[in-house]
N, C-alpha and C. Protein backbone atom coordinates (compact mmCIF):
# COMPACT_ATOMS: atom_id res chain seq x y z
N MET A 1 153.95 137.18 45.32
CA MET A 1 152.73 136.89 44.59
C MET A 1 151.57 137.45 45.39
N ALA A 2 150.69 138.10 44.71
CA ALA A 2 149.55 138.76 45.35
C ALA A 2 148.44 137.76 45.58
N MET A 3 147.66 138.05 46.55
CA MET A 3 146.53 137.19 46.89
C MET A 3 145.49 137.25 45.78
N GLY A 4 144.93 136.12 45.40
CA GLY A 4 143.88 136.11 44.41
C GLY A 4 144.37 136.01 42.99
N LYS A 5 145.66 135.96 42.80
CA LYS A 5 146.18 135.84 41.44
C LYS A 5 146.64 134.42 41.21
N ALA A 6 146.44 133.98 40.05
CA ALA A 6 146.87 132.65 39.68
C ALA A 6 148.38 132.66 39.48
N PRO A 7 149.07 131.55 39.78
CA PRO A 7 150.50 131.51 39.57
C PRO A 7 150.83 131.70 38.09
N GLY A 8 151.86 132.42 37.85
CA GLY A 8 152.28 132.64 36.48
C GLY A 8 151.72 133.91 35.90
N ASP A 9 150.76 134.56 36.59
CA ASP A 9 150.25 135.83 36.10
C ASP A 9 151.29 136.91 36.39
N GLY A 10 151.44 137.78 35.50
CA GLY A 10 152.39 138.88 35.70
C GLY A 10 151.73 139.99 36.47
N GLU A 11 152.54 140.99 36.77
CA GLU A 11 152.02 142.13 37.50
C GLU A 11 151.04 142.94 36.67
N GLY A 12 151.15 142.86 35.38
CA GLY A 12 150.31 143.69 34.54
C GLY A 12 148.95 143.08 34.29
N GLY A 13 148.67 141.83 34.77
CA GLY A 13 147.40 141.17 34.47
C GLY A 13 146.28 141.67 35.35
N ASP A 14 145.06 141.27 35.00
CA ASP A 14 143.88 141.63 35.78
C ASP A 14 143.93 140.95 37.14
N ASP A 15 143.29 141.60 38.13
CA ASP A 15 143.15 140.95 39.42
C ASP A 15 142.01 139.95 39.32
N VAL A 16 142.37 138.69 39.25
CA VAL A 16 141.37 137.63 39.10
C VAL A 16 141.10 137.05 40.48
N GLY A 17 139.84 137.15 40.97
CA GLY A 17 139.46 136.59 42.26
C GLY A 17 139.08 135.14 42.11
N PHE A 18 138.86 134.50 43.24
CA PHE A 18 138.42 133.11 43.18
C PHE A 18 137.01 133.07 42.60
N ALA A 19 136.81 132.21 41.63
CA ALA A 19 135.53 132.14 40.96
C ALA A 19 134.56 131.21 41.69
N GLU A 20 135.06 130.32 42.56
CA GLU A 20 134.20 129.37 43.24
C GLU A 20 134.38 129.48 44.74
N ILE A 21 133.31 129.17 45.47
CA ILE A 21 133.38 129.14 46.92
C ILE A 21 133.45 127.67 47.33
N ASN A 22 134.38 127.37 48.16
CA ASN A 22 134.53 125.99 48.64
C ASN A 22 133.52 125.76 49.76
N ILE A 23 132.51 124.89 49.52
CA ILE A 23 131.46 124.65 50.51
C ILE A 23 131.70 123.36 51.30
N THR A 24 132.81 122.71 51.07
CA THR A 24 133.09 121.47 51.80
C THR A 24 133.16 121.68 53.31
N PRO A 25 133.87 122.68 53.83
CA PRO A 25 133.87 122.88 55.28
C PRO A 25 132.48 123.20 55.84
N LEU A 26 131.70 123.95 55.09
CA LEU A 26 130.34 124.27 55.53
C LEU A 26 129.49 123.00 55.61
N THR A 27 129.62 122.14 54.61
CA THR A 27 128.89 120.87 54.60
C THR A 27 129.31 120.01 55.78
N ASP A 28 130.61 119.97 56.06
CA ASP A 28 131.10 119.19 57.20
C ASP A 28 130.49 119.69 58.50
N ILE A 29 130.41 120.97 58.68
CA ILE A 29 129.84 121.54 59.90
C ILE A 29 128.37 121.17 60.03
N PHE A 30 127.61 121.24 58.94
CA PHE A 30 126.20 120.89 58.99
C PHE A 30 126.00 119.41 59.30
N LEU A 31 126.84 118.55 58.75
CA LEU A 31 126.72 117.12 59.03
C LEU A 31 127.03 116.82 60.50
N VAL A 32 128.05 117.47 61.04
CA VAL A 32 128.37 117.28 62.45
C VAL A 32 127.21 117.76 63.33
N LEU A 33 126.63 118.89 63.01
CA LEU A 33 125.48 119.39 63.78
C LEU A 33 124.29 118.44 63.68
N LEU A 34 124.05 117.89 62.50
CA LEU A 34 122.96 116.94 62.32
C LEU A 34 123.16 115.71 63.20
N ILE A 35 124.37 115.20 63.25
CA ILE A 35 124.65 114.03 64.08
C ILE A 35 124.46 114.37 65.56
N ILE A 36 124.91 115.53 65.97
CA ILE A 36 124.73 115.94 67.37
C ILE A 36 123.25 116.03 67.73
N PHE A 37 122.43 116.62 66.86
CA PHE A 37 121.00 116.72 67.13
C PHE A 37 120.33 115.35 67.16
N MET A 38 120.74 114.45 66.28
CA MET A 38 120.14 113.11 66.26
C MET A 38 120.47 112.36 67.55
N VAL A 39 121.70 112.41 67.99
CA VAL A 39 122.09 111.71 69.21
C VAL A 39 121.39 112.33 70.41
N THR A 40 121.35 113.64 70.48
CA THR A 40 120.71 114.32 71.60
C THR A 40 119.22 114.01 71.67
N SER A 41 118.55 114.01 70.54
CA SER A 41 117.10 113.74 70.57
C SER A 41 116.81 112.30 70.97
N SER A 42 117.64 111.34 70.58
CA SER A 42 117.40 109.96 70.99
C SER A 42 117.64 109.78 72.49
N VAL A 43 118.60 110.52 73.06
CA VAL A 43 118.84 110.44 74.50
C VAL A 43 117.67 111.05 75.26
N ILE A 44 117.13 112.15 74.77
CA ILE A 44 116.01 112.81 75.44
C ILE A 44 114.78 111.90 75.43
N VAL A 45 114.53 111.20 74.35
CA VAL A 45 113.36 110.33 74.25
C VAL A 45 113.49 109.15 75.20
N GLN A 46 114.71 108.63 75.39
CA GLN A 46 114.91 107.45 76.22
C GLN A 46 114.90 107.74 77.70
N GLN A 47 115.01 109.00 78.11
CA GLN A 47 115.04 109.33 79.52
C GLN A 47 113.65 109.20 80.12
N ALA A 48 113.62 108.87 81.41
CA ALA A 48 112.35 108.78 82.13
C ALA A 48 111.81 110.17 82.38
N PRO A 49 110.49 110.29 82.59
CA PRO A 49 109.92 111.60 82.89
C PRO A 49 110.54 112.20 84.15
N SER A 50 110.54 113.52 84.24
CA SER A 50 111.13 114.17 85.40
C SER A 50 110.25 114.00 86.62
N GLY A 51 110.80 114.34 87.76
CA GLY A 51 110.04 114.22 89.00
C GLY A 51 110.24 112.88 89.68
N GLY A 52 111.20 112.08 89.23
CA GLY A 52 111.48 110.82 89.88
C GLY A 52 110.54 109.71 89.46
N ALA A 53 109.63 109.96 88.57
CA ALA A 53 108.70 108.92 88.14
C ALA A 53 109.41 107.96 87.20
N GLN A 54 109.01 106.71 87.28
CA GLN A 54 109.59 105.71 86.40
C GLN A 54 108.76 105.62 85.13
N ALA A 55 109.40 105.09 84.08
CA ALA A 55 108.68 104.92 82.83
C ALA A 55 107.55 103.91 83.03
N GLY A 56 106.43 104.11 82.36
CA GLY A 56 105.27 103.25 82.53
C GLY A 56 105.37 101.97 81.72
N LEU A 57 104.27 101.24 81.69
CA LEU A 57 104.21 100.00 80.94
C LEU A 57 104.25 100.29 79.45
N LYS A 58 104.95 99.46 78.74
CA LYS A 58 104.94 99.60 77.29
C LYS A 58 103.75 98.82 76.76
N VAL A 59 102.83 99.51 76.12
CA VAL A 59 101.60 98.91 75.64
C VAL A 59 101.51 99.11 74.15
N ASN A 60 101.30 98.03 73.43
CA ASN A 60 101.05 98.13 71.99
C ASN A 60 99.54 98.24 71.80
N LEU A 61 99.10 99.42 71.44
CA LEU A 61 97.66 99.62 71.28
C LEU A 61 97.19 98.99 69.98
N PRO A 62 96.16 98.16 70.03
CA PRO A 62 95.67 97.54 68.80
C PRO A 62 94.87 98.53 67.97
N LYS A 63 94.88 98.31 66.68
CA LYS A 63 94.03 99.10 65.79
C LYS A 63 92.63 98.51 65.87
N GLY A 64 91.66 99.34 65.63
CA GLY A 64 90.28 98.88 65.71
C GLY A 64 89.92 97.96 64.56
N GLY A 65 88.73 97.46 64.60
CA GLY A 65 88.24 96.64 63.49
C GLY A 65 88.52 95.17 63.72
N THR A 66 88.92 94.49 62.67
CA THR A 66 89.08 93.05 62.72
C THR A 66 90.40 92.60 63.31
N THR A 67 91.31 93.50 63.64
CA THR A 67 92.60 93.10 64.16
C THR A 67 92.66 93.11 65.67
N ASP A 68 91.50 93.21 66.35
CA ASP A 68 91.49 93.21 67.81
C ASP A 68 91.99 91.87 68.34
N VAL A 69 92.52 91.91 69.56
CA VAL A 69 93.00 90.70 70.21
C VAL A 69 91.81 89.88 70.65
N THR A 70 91.82 88.59 70.33
CA THR A 70 90.75 87.70 70.78
C THR A 70 91.27 86.89 71.96
N ALA A 71 90.43 86.70 72.94
CA ALA A 71 90.82 85.99 74.15
C ALA A 71 90.98 84.50 73.87
N ARG A 72 92.07 83.93 74.39
CA ARG A 72 92.29 82.49 74.30
C ARG A 72 91.79 81.86 75.59
N ALA A 73 91.72 80.55 75.61
CA ALA A 73 91.24 79.85 76.79
C ALA A 73 92.21 80.02 77.96
N THR A 74 93.50 80.22 77.67
CA THR A 74 94.49 80.35 78.75
C THR A 74 94.57 81.76 79.31
N ASP A 75 93.94 82.72 78.67
CA ASP A 75 94.03 84.11 79.12
C ASP A 75 93.12 84.35 80.33
N LEU A 76 93.51 85.32 81.15
CA LEU A 76 92.72 85.68 82.32
C LEU A 76 91.99 86.97 82.05
N SER A 77 90.72 87.00 82.35
CA SER A 77 89.92 88.20 82.20
C SER A 77 89.47 88.65 83.58
N VAL A 78 89.92 89.86 83.96
CA VAL A 78 89.60 90.41 85.28
C VAL A 78 88.69 91.60 85.08
N ALA A 79 87.54 91.59 85.73
CA ALA A 79 86.62 92.73 85.67
C ALA A 79 86.72 93.49 86.99
N ILE A 80 86.74 94.81 86.87
CA ILE A 80 86.75 95.67 88.05
C ILE A 80 85.42 96.42 88.07
N LEU A 81 84.65 96.17 89.10
CA LEU A 81 83.33 96.81 89.20
C LEU A 81 83.48 98.24 89.70
N SER A 82 82.42 99.02 89.54
CA SER A 82 82.48 100.43 89.92
C SER A 82 82.70 100.63 91.42
N ASP A 83 82.34 99.63 92.23
CA ASP A 83 82.57 99.77 93.68
C ASP A 83 83.94 99.25 94.10
N GLY A 84 84.78 98.83 93.13
CA GLY A 84 86.16 98.42 93.43
C GLY A 84 86.34 96.93 93.62
N ARG A 85 85.29 96.13 93.49
CA ARG A 85 85.43 94.68 93.63
C ARG A 85 86.02 94.09 92.36
N TYR A 86 86.75 92.98 92.52
CA TYR A 86 87.35 92.27 91.39
C TYR A 86 86.52 91.04 91.08
N VAL A 87 86.31 90.78 89.79
CA VAL A 87 85.57 89.59 89.36
C VAL A 87 86.48 88.79 88.45
N LEU A 88 86.71 87.54 88.82
CA LEU A 88 87.56 86.64 88.04
C LEU A 88 86.79 85.35 87.78
N GLY A 89 86.55 85.06 86.54
CA GLY A 89 85.82 83.84 86.18
C GLY A 89 84.39 83.82 86.70
N GLY A 90 83.77 84.98 86.80
CA GLY A 90 82.39 85.07 87.25
C GLY A 90 82.24 85.12 88.76
N ASN A 91 83.33 85.03 89.50
CA ASN A 91 83.29 85.04 90.96
C ASN A 91 83.96 86.30 91.49
N VAL A 92 83.37 86.90 92.50
CA VAL A 92 83.98 88.06 93.15
C VAL A 92 85.13 87.55 94.02
N VAL A 93 86.32 88.12 93.81
CA VAL A 93 87.51 87.68 94.54
C VAL A 93 88.16 88.88 95.21
N GLY A 94 88.95 88.59 96.22
CA GLY A 94 89.71 89.63 96.90
C GLY A 94 91.07 89.82 96.23
N GLU A 95 91.83 90.77 96.77
CA GLU A 95 93.14 91.08 96.20
C GLU A 95 94.10 89.90 96.32
N ASP A 96 94.08 89.20 97.47
CA ASP A 96 94.98 88.06 97.68
C ASP A 96 94.64 86.92 96.72
N GLU A 97 93.35 86.65 96.54
CA GLU A 97 92.93 85.59 95.61
C GLU A 97 93.32 85.94 94.18
N LEU A 98 93.24 87.21 93.84
CA LEU A 98 93.61 87.66 92.49
C LEU A 98 95.11 87.46 92.26
N LYS A 99 95.92 87.79 93.27
CA LYS A 99 97.36 87.56 93.15
C LYS A 99 97.67 86.08 92.99
N ARG A 100 96.98 85.22 93.76
CA ARG A 100 97.19 83.78 93.64
C ARG A 100 96.80 83.29 92.24
N ALA A 101 95.71 83.80 91.71
CA ALA A 101 95.27 83.39 90.37
C ALA A 101 96.29 83.82 89.32
N PHE A 102 96.86 85.02 89.49
CA PHE A 102 97.89 85.47 88.56
C PHE A 102 99.13 84.57 88.65
N ALA A 103 99.52 84.20 89.87
CA ALA A 103 100.70 83.35 90.05
C ALA A 103 100.47 81.96 89.45
N GLU A 104 99.28 81.40 89.64
CA GLU A 104 98.96 80.10 89.05
C GLU A 104 98.97 80.17 87.53
N ALA A 105 98.42 81.22 86.98
CA ALA A 105 98.40 81.37 85.52
C ALA A 105 99.81 81.51 84.98
N GLN A 106 100.68 82.20 85.70
CA GLN A 106 102.06 82.37 85.25
C GLN A 106 102.80 81.04 85.29
N GLN A 107 102.51 80.21 86.29
CA GLN A 107 103.14 78.90 86.38
C GLN A 107 102.70 78.00 85.23
N LYS A 108 101.41 78.05 84.88
CA LYS A 108 100.89 77.22 83.79
C LYS A 108 101.40 77.68 82.43
N ASN A 109 101.33 79.01 82.19
CA ASN A 109 101.73 79.55 80.89
C ASN A 109 102.23 80.98 81.09
N PRO A 110 103.56 81.20 80.96
CA PRO A 110 104.10 82.55 81.16
C PRO A 110 103.63 83.56 80.12
N ASP A 111 103.07 83.08 79.01
CA ASP A 111 102.59 83.98 77.95
C ASP A 111 101.11 84.32 78.11
N THR A 112 100.55 84.07 79.27
CA THR A 112 99.15 84.38 79.52
C THR A 112 98.91 85.88 79.40
N ILE A 113 97.86 86.24 78.71
CA ILE A 113 97.48 87.65 78.58
C ILE A 113 96.42 87.97 79.63
N VAL A 114 96.65 89.03 80.38
CA VAL A 114 95.69 89.48 81.38
C VAL A 114 94.86 90.59 80.76
N ILE A 115 93.56 90.35 80.64
CA ILE A 115 92.64 91.33 80.06
C ILE A 115 91.89 92.00 81.20
N VAL A 116 92.09 93.30 81.35
CA VAL A 116 91.45 94.06 82.43
C VAL A 116 90.24 94.79 81.85
N GLN A 117 89.07 94.48 82.40
CA GLN A 117 87.83 95.12 81.98
C GLN A 117 87.32 95.95 83.15
N ALA A 118 87.40 97.24 83.04
CA ALA A 118 86.99 98.11 84.14
C ALA A 118 85.74 98.88 83.78
N ASP A 119 84.89 99.06 84.77
CA ASP A 119 83.69 99.88 84.61
C ASP A 119 84.12 101.33 84.37
N GLU A 120 83.28 102.09 83.69
CA GLU A 120 83.62 103.48 83.36
C GLU A 120 83.91 104.33 84.60
N GLY A 121 83.29 104.02 85.72
CA GLY A 121 83.46 104.81 86.93
C GLY A 121 84.67 104.42 87.78
N VAL A 122 85.42 103.40 87.36
CA VAL A 122 86.57 102.93 88.14
C VAL A 122 87.74 103.90 87.98
N PRO A 123 88.36 104.29 89.09
CA PRO A 123 89.52 105.19 88.99
C PRO A 123 90.68 104.51 88.26
N HIS A 124 91.45 105.32 87.57
CA HIS A 124 92.59 104.83 86.80
C HIS A 124 93.59 104.10 87.69
N GLY A 125 93.75 104.57 88.91
CA GLY A 125 94.70 103.96 89.83
C GLY A 125 94.37 102.51 90.15
N THR A 126 93.10 102.17 90.21
CA THR A 126 92.70 100.79 90.48
C THR A 126 93.08 99.88 89.32
N VAL A 127 92.91 100.36 88.11
CA VAL A 127 93.29 99.57 86.93
C VAL A 127 94.80 99.36 86.93
N VAL A 128 95.55 100.40 87.22
CA VAL A 128 97.01 100.29 87.26
C VAL A 128 97.43 99.32 88.36
N GLN A 129 96.74 99.32 89.49
CA GLN A 129 97.06 98.44 90.60
C GLN A 129 96.91 96.97 90.17
N VAL A 130 95.84 96.66 89.45
CA VAL A 130 95.63 95.29 88.98
C VAL A 130 96.72 94.91 87.98
N MET A 131 97.08 95.83 87.10
CA MET A 131 98.13 95.55 86.13
C MET A 131 99.48 95.33 86.82
N GLU A 132 99.75 96.09 87.87
CA GLU A 132 100.99 95.92 88.62
C GLU A 132 101.00 94.59 89.36
N MET A 133 99.85 94.14 89.86
CA MET A 133 99.78 92.82 90.49
C MET A 133 100.16 91.73 89.51
N ALA A 134 99.62 91.82 88.28
CA ALA A 134 99.93 90.83 87.27
C ALA A 134 101.41 90.89 86.87
N LYS A 135 101.91 92.10 86.76
CA LYS A 135 103.31 92.28 86.36
C LYS A 135 104.26 91.79 87.44
N SER A 136 103.88 91.90 88.71
CA SER A 136 104.76 91.51 89.81
C SER A 136 104.99 90.00 89.87
N VAL A 137 104.05 89.21 89.33
CA VAL A 137 104.24 87.75 89.33
C VAL A 137 104.82 87.26 88.01
N GLY A 138 105.08 88.16 87.08
CA GLY A 138 105.73 87.77 85.83
C GLY A 138 104.83 87.76 84.62
N LEU A 139 103.60 88.21 84.74
CA LEU A 139 102.71 88.29 83.59
C LEU A 139 102.85 89.68 82.97
N GLY A 140 103.56 89.77 81.86
CA GLY A 140 103.84 91.06 81.26
C GLY A 140 102.95 91.43 80.11
N GLN A 141 102.14 90.50 79.63
CA GLN A 141 101.26 90.81 78.50
C GLN A 141 99.90 91.22 79.06
N LEU A 142 99.63 92.51 78.94
CA LEU A 142 98.41 93.07 79.51
C LEU A 142 97.57 93.71 78.41
N ALA A 143 96.27 93.64 78.57
CA ALA A 143 95.35 94.26 77.60
C ALA A 143 94.20 94.88 78.38
N ILE A 144 93.59 95.89 77.78
CA ILE A 144 92.44 96.53 78.38
C ILE A 144 91.23 96.22 77.51
N GLY A 145 90.20 95.65 78.12
CA GLY A 145 89.00 95.30 77.39
C GLY A 145 88.08 96.50 77.26
N VAL A 146 87.55 96.70 76.06
CA VAL A 146 86.60 97.77 75.80
C VAL A 146 85.44 97.21 75.01
N ARG A 147 84.35 97.95 75.00
CA ARG A 147 83.23 97.52 74.16
C ARG A 147 83.34 98.20 72.81
N GLU A 148 82.71 97.60 71.83
CA GLU A 148 82.77 98.15 70.48
C GLU A 148 81.97 99.43 70.37
N ALA A 149 82.49 100.37 69.64
CA ALA A 149 81.76 101.62 69.40
C ALA A 149 80.68 101.35 68.38
N LYS A 150 79.50 101.96 68.60
CA LYS A 150 78.40 101.73 67.66
C LYS A 150 78.02 103.00 66.97
């Protein structure tokens, strides 16, 4: 029997080729490639940045307007002045006093939100240092205070 002929065709019949292309194997290959790309992209997103740096704090940025976070009485508001001093509750405090205040707040309420209000001239590293102090005693809910745009 010759290739491309239907069974039962005689030698004198027309050479009838396949009228349809089977795309099932092609579809299978594309689906496998899609799965491979999806898995690979999720692994790449979950990896830490290169250079040995660890992943940073996960921060849920609030949308502007009426959905801003409002401070509760149990929350701590820390102001960082442009000269690097820390202000807690209207009093200038040192780094050790700030750590103690964070530890006391964590003991009273582990869900305390630490609101960091930094002057525009304060280096980013100082803000991160205060956030790391709060995080080291177990206060993981952090917010950055800003003024409203006019």
